[in-house]
C-alpha atoms as a PDB file:
ATOM      1  CA  MET A   1      -2.746 -22.900  15.211  1.00  0.00           C
ATOM      2  CA  ALA A   2       0.579 -22.752  17.077  1.00  0.00           C
ATOM      3  CA  ALA A   3       2.417 -21.733  13.900  1.00  0.00           C
ATOM      4  CA  LEU A   4      -0.121 -19.009  13.181  1.00  0.00           C
ATOM      5  CA  ARG A   5       0.151 -17.685  16.750  1.00  0.00           C
ATOM      6  CA  MET A   6       3.940 -17.519  16.416  1.00  0.00           C
ATOM      7  CA  LEU A   7       3.595 -15.572  13.152  1.00  0.00           C
ATOM      8  CA  TRP A   8       1.290 -13.086  14.841  1.00  0.00           C
ATOM      9  CA  MET A   9       3.712 -12.670  17.736  1.00  0.00           C
ATOM     10  CA  GLY A  10       6.614 -11.938  15.407  1.00  0.00           C
ATOM     11  CA  LEU A  11       4.657  -9.376  13.430  1.00  0.00           C
ATOM     12  CA  VAL A  12       3.337  -7.701  16.551  1.00  0.00           C
ATOM     13  CA  LEU A  13       6.863  -7.267  17.876  1.00  0.00           C
ATOM     14  CA  LEU A  14       7.861  -5.711  14.599  1.00  0.00           C
ATOM     15  CA  GLY A  15       5.017  -3.300  15.061  1.00  0.00           C
ATOM     16  CA  LEU A  16       3.909  -3.804  11.469  1.00  0.00           C
ATOM     17  CA  LEU A  17       0.946  -6.119  11.499  1.00  0.00           C
ATOM     18  CA  GLY A  18      -1.859  -4.186  13.141  1.00  0.00           C
ATOM     19  CA  PHE A  19      -5.244  -5.746  13.816  1.00  0.00           C
ATOM     20  CA  PRO A  20      -8.823  -5.528  12.561  1.00  0.00           C
ATOM     21  CA  GLN A  21     -10.782  -2.617  13.917  1.00  0.00           C
ATOM     22  CA  THR A  22     -14.179  -1.109  13.275  1.00  0.00           C
ATOM     23  CA  PRO A  23     -14.743   1.105  10.209  1.00  0.00           C
ATOM     24  CA  ALA A  24     -15.673   4.108  12.355  1.00  0.00           C
ATOM     25  CA  GLU A  25     -12.258   4.236  14.013  1.00  0.00           C
ATOM     26  CA  GLY A  26      -9.266   5.958  12.554  1.00  0.00           C
ATOM     27  CA  VAL A  27      -7.859   9.049  10.917  1.00  0.00           C
ATOM     28  CA  ASP A  28      -7.583   8.971   7.142  1.00  0.00           C
ATOM     29  CA  TYR A  29      -4.659  11.374   6.789  1.00  0.00           C
ATOM     30  CA  VAL A  30      -1.243  10.307   8.073  1.00  0.00           C
ATOM     31  CA  SER A  31       1.662  12.730   7.927  1.00  0.00           C
ATOM     32  CA  VAL A  32       5.208  11.687   6.993  1.00  0.00           C
ATOM     33  CA  GLN A  33       8.472  12.869   8.515  1.00  0.00           C
ATOM     34  CA  PRO A  34       9.412  15.984   6.480  1.00  0.00           C
ATOM     35  CA  ASN A  35      12.496  15.532   4.297  1.00  0.00           C
ATOM     36  CA  PHE A  36      12.798  11.920   5.415  1.00  0.00           C
ATOM     37  CA  GLN A  37      16.361  10.626   5.042  1.00  0.00           C
ATOM     38  CA  GLN A  38      16.339   6.858   4.750  1.00  0.00           C
ATOM     39  CA  ASP A  39      20.087   6.500   5.206  1.00  0.00           C
ATOM     40  CA  LYS A  40      19.839   8.037   8.675  1.00  0.00           C
ATOM     41  CA  PHE A  41      16.965   5.720   9.573  1.00  0.00           C
ATOM     42  CA  LEU A  42      19.046   2.574   8.993  1.00  0.00           C
ATOM     43  CA  GLY A  43      20.637   0.554  11.759  1.00  0.00           C
ATOM     44  CA  ARG A  44      19.529  -0.809  15.101  1.00  0.00           C
ATOM     45  CA  TRP A  45      16.211   0.061  16.697  1.00  0.00           C
ATOM     46  CA  TYR A  46      14.263  -1.351  19.627  1.00  0.00           C
ATOM     47  CA  SER A  47      10.479  -1.684  19.560  1.00  0.00           C
ATOM     48  CA  THR A  48       9.813  -0.199  22.975  1.00  0.00           C
ATOM     49  CA  GLY A  49       6.172   0.849  22.648  1.00  0.00           C
ATOM     50  CA  LEU A  50       3.093  -0.494  20.856  1.00  0.00           C
ATOM     51  CA  ALA A  51      -0.520   0.609  20.686  1.00  0.00           C
ATOM     52  CA  SER A  52      -3.555  -1.133  19.200  1.00  0.00           C
ATOM     53  CA  ASN A  53      -7.154  -1.592  20.302  1.00  0.00           C
ATOM     54  CA  SER A  54      -7.632  -5.071  18.845  1.00  0.00           C
ATOM     55  CA  SER A  55      -8.963  -7.742  21.189  1.00  0.00           C
ATOM     56  CA  TRP A  56      -5.995 -10.015  20.430  1.00  0.00           C
ATOM     57  CA  PHE A  57      -3.521  -7.302  21.379  1.00  0.00           C
ATOM     58  CA  GLN A  58      -5.433  -6.461  24.552  1.00  0.00           C
ATOM     59  CA  ASN A  59      -5.293 -10.112  25.628  1.00  0.00           C
ATOM     60  CA  LYS A  60      -1.616 -10.645  24.800  1.00  0.00           C
ATOM     61  CA  LYS A  61       0.068  -7.298  25.465  1.00  0.00           C
ATOM     62  CA  THR A  62       1.120  -8.133  29.037  1.00  0.00           C
ATOM     63  CA  GLY A  63       3.168 -11.062  27.708  1.00  0.00           C
ATOM     64  CA  LEU A  64       5.057  -9.110  25.036  1.00  0.00           C
ATOM     65  CA  PHE A  65       8.703  -8.104  25.360  1.00  0.00           C
ATOM     66  CA  MET A  66      11.007  -5.625  23.714  1.00  0.00           C
ATOM     67  CA  CYS A  67      12.191  -6.486  20.215  1.00  0.00           C
ATOM     68  CA  LYS A  68      15.404  -5.520  18.437  1.00  0.00           C
ATOM     69  CA  THR A  69      15.104  -4.624  14.748  1.00  0.00           C
ATOM     70  CA  VAL A  70      17.965  -3.997  12.328  1.00  0.00           C
ATOM     71  CA  VAL A  71      16.905  -1.840   9.376  1.00  0.00           C
ATOM     72  CA  ALA A  72      18.874  -2.233   6.138  1.00  0.00           C
ATOM     73  CA  PRO A  73      18.321  -0.862   2.620  1.00  0.00           C
ATOM     74  CA  SER A  74      16.961  -3.110  -0.123  1.00  0.00           C
ATOM     75  CA  THR A  75      17.939  -2.987  -3.782  1.00  0.00           C
ATOM     76  CA  ASP A  76      14.592  -1.500  -4.843  1.00  0.00           C
ATOM     77  CA  GLY A  77      14.888   1.474  -2.512  1.00  0.00           C
ATOM     78  CA  GLY A  78      12.828  -0.099   0.253  1.00  0.00           C
ATOM     79  CA  LEU A  79      13.855  -1.600   3.577  1.00  0.00           C
ATOM     80  CA  ASN A  80      14.693  -5.018   4.969  1.00  0.00           C
ATOM     81  CA  LEU A  81      13.783  -5.393   8.644  1.00  0.00           C
ATOM     82  CA  THR A  82      15.347  -8.204  10.667  1.00  0.00           C
ATOM     83  CA  SER A  83      13.836  -8.483  14.133  1.00  0.00           C
ATOM     84  CA  THR A  84      15.025 -10.597  17.049  1.00  0.00           C
ATOM     85  CA  PHE A  85      12.888 -11.259  20.094  1.00  0.00           C
ATOM     86  CA  LEU A  86      12.480 -13.667  22.975  1.00  0.00           C
ATOM     87  CA  ARG A  87       9.643 -16.180  22.815  1.00  0.00           C
ATOM     88  CA  ARG A  88       9.274 -18.987  25.343  1.00  0.00           C
ATOM     89  CA  ASN A  89      12.918 -18.594  26.437  1.00  0.00           C
ATOM     90  CA  GLN A  90      14.187 -18.916  22.873  1.00  0.00           C
ATOM     91  CA  CYS A  91      15.393 -16.309  20.401  1.00  0.00           C
ATOM     92  CA  GLU A  92      13.232 -15.911  17.306  1.00  0.00           C
ATOM     93  CA  THR A  93      14.109 -13.980  14.146  1.00  0.00           C
ATOM     94  CA  LYS A  94      11.660 -12.487  11.669  1.00  0.00           C
ATOM     95  CA  ILE A  95      12.489 -10.772   8.378  1.00  0.00           C
ATOM     96  CA  MET A  96      10.150  -8.363   6.623  1.00  0.00           C
ATOM     97  CA  VAL A  97      10.602  -6.640   3.279  1.00  0.00           C
ATOM     98  CA  LEU A  98       9.119  -3.159   2.931  1.00  0.00           C
ATOM     99  CA  GLN A  99       8.715  -1.795  -0.572  1.00  0.00           C
ATOM    100  CA  PRO A 100       8.965   1.943  -1.297  1.00  0.00           C
ATOM    101  CA  GLY A 101       5.562   3.603  -1.148  1.00  0.00           C
ATOM    102  CA  GLY A 102       6.214   6.498  -3.497  1.00  0.00           C
ATOM    103  CA  VAL A 103       6.718   9.059  -0.718  1.00  0.00           C
ATOM    104  CA  PRO A 104       9.986   9.115   1.275  1.00  0.00           C
ATOM    105  CA  GLY A 105       9.245   7.639   4.683  1.00  0.00           C
ATOM    106  CA  GLN A 106       6.257   5.599   3.530  1.00  0.00           C
ATOM    107  CA  TYR A 107       6.466   1.898   2.695  1.00  0.00           C
ATOM    108  CA  ASN A 108       4.241  -0.955   1.611  1.00  0.00           C
ATOM    109  CA  TYR A 109       4.204  -4.445   3.070  1.00  0.00           C
ATOM    110  CA  ASN A 110       2.493  -7.371   1.354  1.00  0.00           C
ATOM    111  CA  SER A 111       0.935  -9.330   4.194  1.00  0.00           C
ATOM    112  CA  PRO A 112       1.066 -13.122   3.668  1.00  0.00           C
ATOM    113  CA  HIS A 113      -1.467 -13.630   6.448  1.00  0.00           C
ATOM    114  CA  TRP A 114      -4.136 -10.959   6.033  1.00  0.00           C
ATOM    115  CA  GLY A 115      -3.539 -10.469   2.312  1.00  0.00           C
ATOM    116  CA  GLY A 116      -3.410  -7.121   0.588  1.00  0.00           C
ATOM    117  CA  VAL A 117      -0.950  -4.300   1.072  1.00  0.00           C
ATOM    118  CA  HIS A 118      -0.287  -2.599   4.395  1.00  0.00           C
ATOM    119  CA  THR A 119       1.083   0.926   4.613  1.00  0.00           C
ATOM    120  CA  ILE A 120       3.852   1.677   7.115  1.00  0.00           C
ATOM    121  CA  THR A 121       4.662   5.337   7.659  1.00  0.00           C
ATOM    122  CA  VAL A 122       7.540   6.931   9.549  1.00  0.00           C
ATOM    123  CA  VAL A 123       5.502   9.808  10.941  1.00  0.00           C
ATOM    124  CA  GLU A 124       8.233  11.385  13.045  1.00  0.00           C
ATOM    125  CA  THR A 125      11.880  10.674  13.856  1.00  0.00           C
ATOM    126  CA  ASP A 126      15.044  12.440  14.954  1.00  0.00           C
ATOM    127  CA  TYR A 127      17.079   9.437  13.672  1.00  0.00           C
ATOM    128  CA  ASP A 128      19.346   9.431  16.743  1.00  0.00           C
ATOM    129  CA  GLU A 129      16.898   8.669  19.540  1.00  0.00           C
ATOM    130  CA  TYR A 130      13.364   7.740  18.458  1.00  0.00           C
ATOM    131  CA  ALA A 131      10.926   7.094  15.628  1.00  0.00           C
ATOM    132  CA  LEU A 132       7.116   7.034  15.591  1.00  0.00           C
ATOM    133  CA  LEU A 133       5.572   4.642  13.066  1.00  0.00           C
ATOM    134  CA  LEU A 134       1.989   4.011  12.063  1.00  0.00           C
ATOM    135  CA  SER A 135       0.852   0.840  10.283  1.00  0.00           C
ATOM    136  CA  ARG A 136      -2.482   0.719   8.450  1.00  0.00           C
ATOM    137  CA  GLY A 137      -4.339  -1.753   6.269  1.00  0.00           C
ATOM    138  CA  THR A 138      -7.537  -3.718   5.846  1.00  0.00           C
ATOM    139  CA  LYS A 139      -8.752  -7.238   6.448  1.00  0.00           C
ATOM    140  CA  GLY A 140     -11.707  -7.631   4.176  1.00  0.00           C
ATOM    141  CA  PRO A 141     -14.359  -4.997   3.346  1.00  0.00           C
ATOM    142  CA  GLY A 142     -14.772  -2.372   6.051  1.00  0.00           C
ATOM    143  CA  GLN A 143     -12.269  -3.926   8.461  1.00  0.00           C
ATOM    144  CA  ALA A 144      -9.485  -1.409   8.987  1.00  0.00           C
ATOM    145  CA  PHE A 145      -6.572  -1.855  11.360  1.00  0.00           C
ATOM    146  CA  ARG A 146      -4.057   0.470  12.914  1.00  0.00           C
ATOM    147  CA  MET A 147      -0.966   0.032  15.057  1.00  0.00           C
ATOM    148  CA  ALA A 148       1.370   2.681  16.452  1.00  0.00           C
ATOM    149  CA  THR A 149       4.986   1.784  17.218  1.00  0.00           C
ATOM    150  CA  LEU A 150       7.697   3.537  19.197  1.00  0.00           C
ATOM    151  CA  TYR A 151      11.214   2.774  17.977  1.00  0.00           C
ATOM    152  CA  SER A 152      14.115   3.710  20.239  1.00  0.00           C
ATOM    153  CA  ARG A 153      17.851   3.565  19.619  1.00  0.00           C
ATOM    154  CA  THR A 154      18.339   2.360  23.188  1.00  0.00           C
ATOM    155  CA  GLN A 155      16.494  -0.031  25.474  1.00  0.00           C
ATOM    156  CA  THR A 156      15.779   2.698  28.021  1.00  0.00           C
ATOM    157  CA  VAL A 157      12.970   5.080  27.080  1.00  0.00           C
ATOM    158  CA  LYS A 158      12.803   8.547  28.613  1.00  0.00           C
ATOM    159  CA  ASP A 159       9.565   9.696  30.208  1.00  0.00           C
ATOM    160  CA  GLU A 160       9.189  12.481  27.650  1.00  0.00           C
ATOM    161  CA  LEU A 161       9.320   9.917  24.840  1.00  0.00           C
ATOM    162  CA  LYS A 162       6.631   7.864  26.537  1.00  0.00           C
ATOM    163  CA  THR A 163       4.490  10.983  26.747  1.00  0.00           C
ATOM    164  CA  LYS A 164       5.168  11.766  23.092  1.00  0.00           C
ATOM    165  CA  PHE A 165       4.182   8.246  22.056  1.00  0.00           C
ATOM    166  CA  THR A 166       1.009   8.389  24.131  1.00  0.00           C
ATOM    167  CA  THR A 167       0.003  11.660  22.468  1.00  0.00           C
ATOM    168  CA  PHE A 168       0.910  10.251  19.051  1.00  0.00           C
ATOM    169  CA  SER A 169      -1.213   7.146  19.598  1.00  0.00           C
ATOM    170  CA  GLN A 170      -4.178   9.179  20.776  1.00  0.00           C
ATOM    171  CA  THR A 171      -3.913  11.369  17.683  1.00  0.00           C
ATOM    172  CA  TYR A 172      -4.681   8.297  15.601  1.00  0.00           C
ATOM    173  CA  GLY A 173      -7.650   7.147  17.640  1.00  0.00           C
ATOM    174  CA  LEU A 174      -5.992   4.961  20.275  1.00  0.00           C
ATOM    175  CA  THR A 175      -6.393   5.330  24.033  1.00  0.00           C
ATOM    176  CA  GLU A 176      -4.057   4.963  27.007  1.00  0.00           C
ATOM    177  CA  GLU A 177      -5.557   1.511  27.607  1.00  0.00           C
ATOM    178  CA  ASP A 178      -4.423   0.512  24.112  1.00  0.00           C
ATOM    179  CA  ILE A 179      -0.780   1.398  24.814  1.00  0.00           C
ATOM    180  CA  VAL A 180       1.962  -0.805  26.236  1.00  0.00           C
ATOM    181  CA  PHE A 181       5.634  -0.013  26.822  1.00  0.00           C
ATOM    182  CA  LEU A 182       7.530  -3.239  26.296  1.00  0.00           C
ATOM    183  CA  PRO A 183       9.896  -4.505  29.007  1.00  0.00           C
ATOM    184  CA  GLN A 184      13.176  -6.257  28.415  1.00  0.00           C
ATOM    185  CA  PRO A 185      13.141 -10.014  28.999  1.00  0.00           C
ATOM    186  CA  GLY A 186      14.022 -10.519  32.672  1.00  0.00           C
ATOM    187  CA  TRP A 187      17.468 -12.028  32.200  1.00  0.00           C
ATOM    188  CA  VAL A 188      18.534  -9.322  29.745  1.00  0.00           C
ATOM    189  CA  GLN A 189      18.851  -7.015  32.746  1.00  0.00           C
ATOM    190  CA  VAL A 190      21.773  -9.124  33.972  1.00  0.00           C
ATOM    191  CA  LEU A 191      23.560  -9.312  30.638  1.00  0.00           C
ATOM    192  CA  ILE A 192      23.617  -5.593  29.839  1.00  0.00           C
ATOM    193  CA  GLN A 193      25.709  -4.768  32.880  1.00  0.00           C
ATOM    194  CA  ASP A 194      29.262  -3.664  32.154  1.00  0.00           C
ATOM    195  CA  ASN A 195      30.700  -5.912  34.864  1.00  0.00           C
ATOM    196  CA  PHE A 196      29.207  -9.068  33.385  1.00  0.00           C
ATOM    197  CA  ASP A 197      29.783 -12.044  35.666  1.00  0.00           C
ATOM    198  CA  VAL A 198      29.007 -15.598  34.578  1.00  0.00           C
ATOM    199  CA  SER A 199      27.758 -16.364  38.095  1.00  0.00           C
ATOM    200  CA  GLN A 200      24.991 -13.822  37.512  1.00  0.00           C
ATOM    201  CA  LEU A 201      24.073 -15.623  34.312  1.00  0.00           C
ATOM    202  CA  ILE A 202      23.912 -18.918  36.166  1.00  0.00           C
ATOM    203  CA  ARG A 203      21.524 -17.446  38.714  1.00  0.00           C
ATOM    204  CA  ALA A 204      19.380 -15.838  36.023  1.00  0.00           C
ATOM    205  CA  LEU A 205      18.915 -18.725  33.629  1.00  0.00           C
ATOM    206  CA  ASP A 206      16.669 -21.756  33.903  1.00  0.00           C
ATOM    207  CA  PHE A 207      19.035 -24.693  33.493  1.00  0.00           C
ATOM    208  CA  LYS A 208      16.171 -27.012  32.719  1.00  0.00           C
ATOM    209  CA  LYS A 209      16.307 -25.478  29.223  1.00  0.00           C
ATOM    210  CA  ASP A 210      18.802 -26.453  26.540  1.00  0.00           C
ATOM    211  CA  LEU A 211      22.092 -24.601  26.944  1.00  0.00           C
ATOM    212  CA  HIS A 212      22.749 -24.149  23.221  1.00  0.00           C
ATOM    213  CA  GLN A 213      20.254 -21.300  22.949  1.00  0.00           C
ATOM    214  CA  PHE A 214      22.506 -19.185  25.170  1.00  0.00           C
ATOM    215  CA  ALA A 215      25.555 -19.529  22.899  1.00  0.00           C
ATOM    216  CA  THR A 216      24.769 -16.161  21.319  1.00  0.00           C
ATOM    217  CA  LEU A 217      24.057 -13.780  24.176  1.00  0.00           C
ATOM    218  CA  ASP A 218      25.442 -10.236  24.285  1.00  0.00           C
ATOM    219  CA  GLN A 219      25.788  -7.418  26.785  1.00  0.00           C
ATOM    220  CA  GLU A 220      23.531  -5.177  24.707  1.00  0.00           C
ATOM    221  CA  TRP A 221      20.995  -7.729  23.505  1.00  0.00           C
ATOM    222  CA  ALA A 222      20.704 -11.197  24.992  1.00  0.00           C
ATOM    223  CA  CYS A 223      20.381 -13.020  21.664  1.00  0.00           C
ATOM    224  CA  GLU A 224      23.783 -11.911  20.363  1.00  0.00           C
ATOM    225  CA  TYR A 225      26.385 -12.116  23.098  1.00  0.00           C
ATOM    226  CA  THR A 226      29.194 -14.584  22.411  1.00  0.00           C
ATOM    227  CA  VAL A 227      29.704 -16.442  25.653  1.00  0.00           C
ATOM    228  CA  GLN A 228      33.271 -17.672  26.005  1.00  0.00           C
ATOM    229  CA  ASN A 229      33.818 -21.416  25.721  1.00  0.00           C
ATOM    230  CA  GLN A 230      35.154 -21.652  29.251  1.00  0.00           C
ATOM    231  CA  GLN A 231      32.027 -19.963  30.552  1.00  0.00           C
ATOM    232  CA  LEU A 232      29.817 -22.417  28.687  1.00  0.00           C
ATOM    233  CA  GLU A 233      31.866 -25.308  30.049  1.00  0.00           C
ATOM    234  CA  TYR A 234      31.485 -23.937  33.558  1.00  0.00           C
ATOM    235  CA  ILE A 235      27.736 -23.518  33.092  1.00  0.00           C
ATOM    236  CA  ALA A 236      27.475 -27.082  31.803  1.00  0.00           C
ATOM    237  CA  SER A 237      29.447 -28.402  34.767  1.00  0.00           C
ATOM    238  CA  VAL A 238      26.995 -26.949  37.288  1.00  0.00           C
ATOM    239  CA  SER A 239      23.791 -27.252  35.261  1.00  0.00           C
ATOM    240  CA  GLN A 240      22.940 -30.669  36.686  1.00  0.00           C
ATOM    241  CA  HIS A 241      23.057 -29.239  40.190  1.00  0.00           C
ATOM    242  CA  TRP A 242      20.842 -26.299  39.260  1.00  0.00           C
ATOM    243  CA  ALA A 243      18.381 -28.416  37.274  1.00  0.00           C
ATOM    244  CA  GLY A 244      16.871 -29.690  40.495  1.00  0.00           C
ATOM    245  CA  TRP A 245      16.072 -26.209  41.778  1.00  0.00           C
ATOM    246  CA  GLY A 246      12.652 -24.577  41.540  1.00  0.00           C
END
């Protein structure tokens, strides 16, 4: 059960799983970004907004955090998505392979959990700032699912993009209650500052956790920053003192 829950969490953060919904819900036609240019879509994105009306999503959405996804081309003309996210104070990585769907901007994903093929469509993007994606599929006869995803090139989302995503989600049958804008993990706020100070890191981290998981933290995304050896040594030297706090 724990392994299955972790799989669901990873797929949710990718914005590609979706969840079972009732047959009456949904819009059959989904538009695709005109003249979609896959090469411009590649690179780093952040999953900053999600929308779904599944009961699982409604119960878990307050505990979800922002996810970083690196999009790379695959040899068959599709996409490889590598997503990194924080789960229980540890960095997790998920890789998904999207096969070309026949129309530029539309892809197919073979779900190992639900079975069958899911369709992922880049409905709208300007390539430089945002992308709106819609994932659709079925789980058994008459059980359709839908999930809307807001991709952003940065971790800070403008209000107008939030409004655009809300309108987009509602277009495909979702409500404001189904929408969540994902926050950064709390200690990422410290690490993205230009004047990074190891003392801030010490105050932000829970030293009761293993230190090795923080060996790859970065100023832009906490799971990738290379902390200098002397900083790690300093953290280790004071960790015993801090372990008794809280």
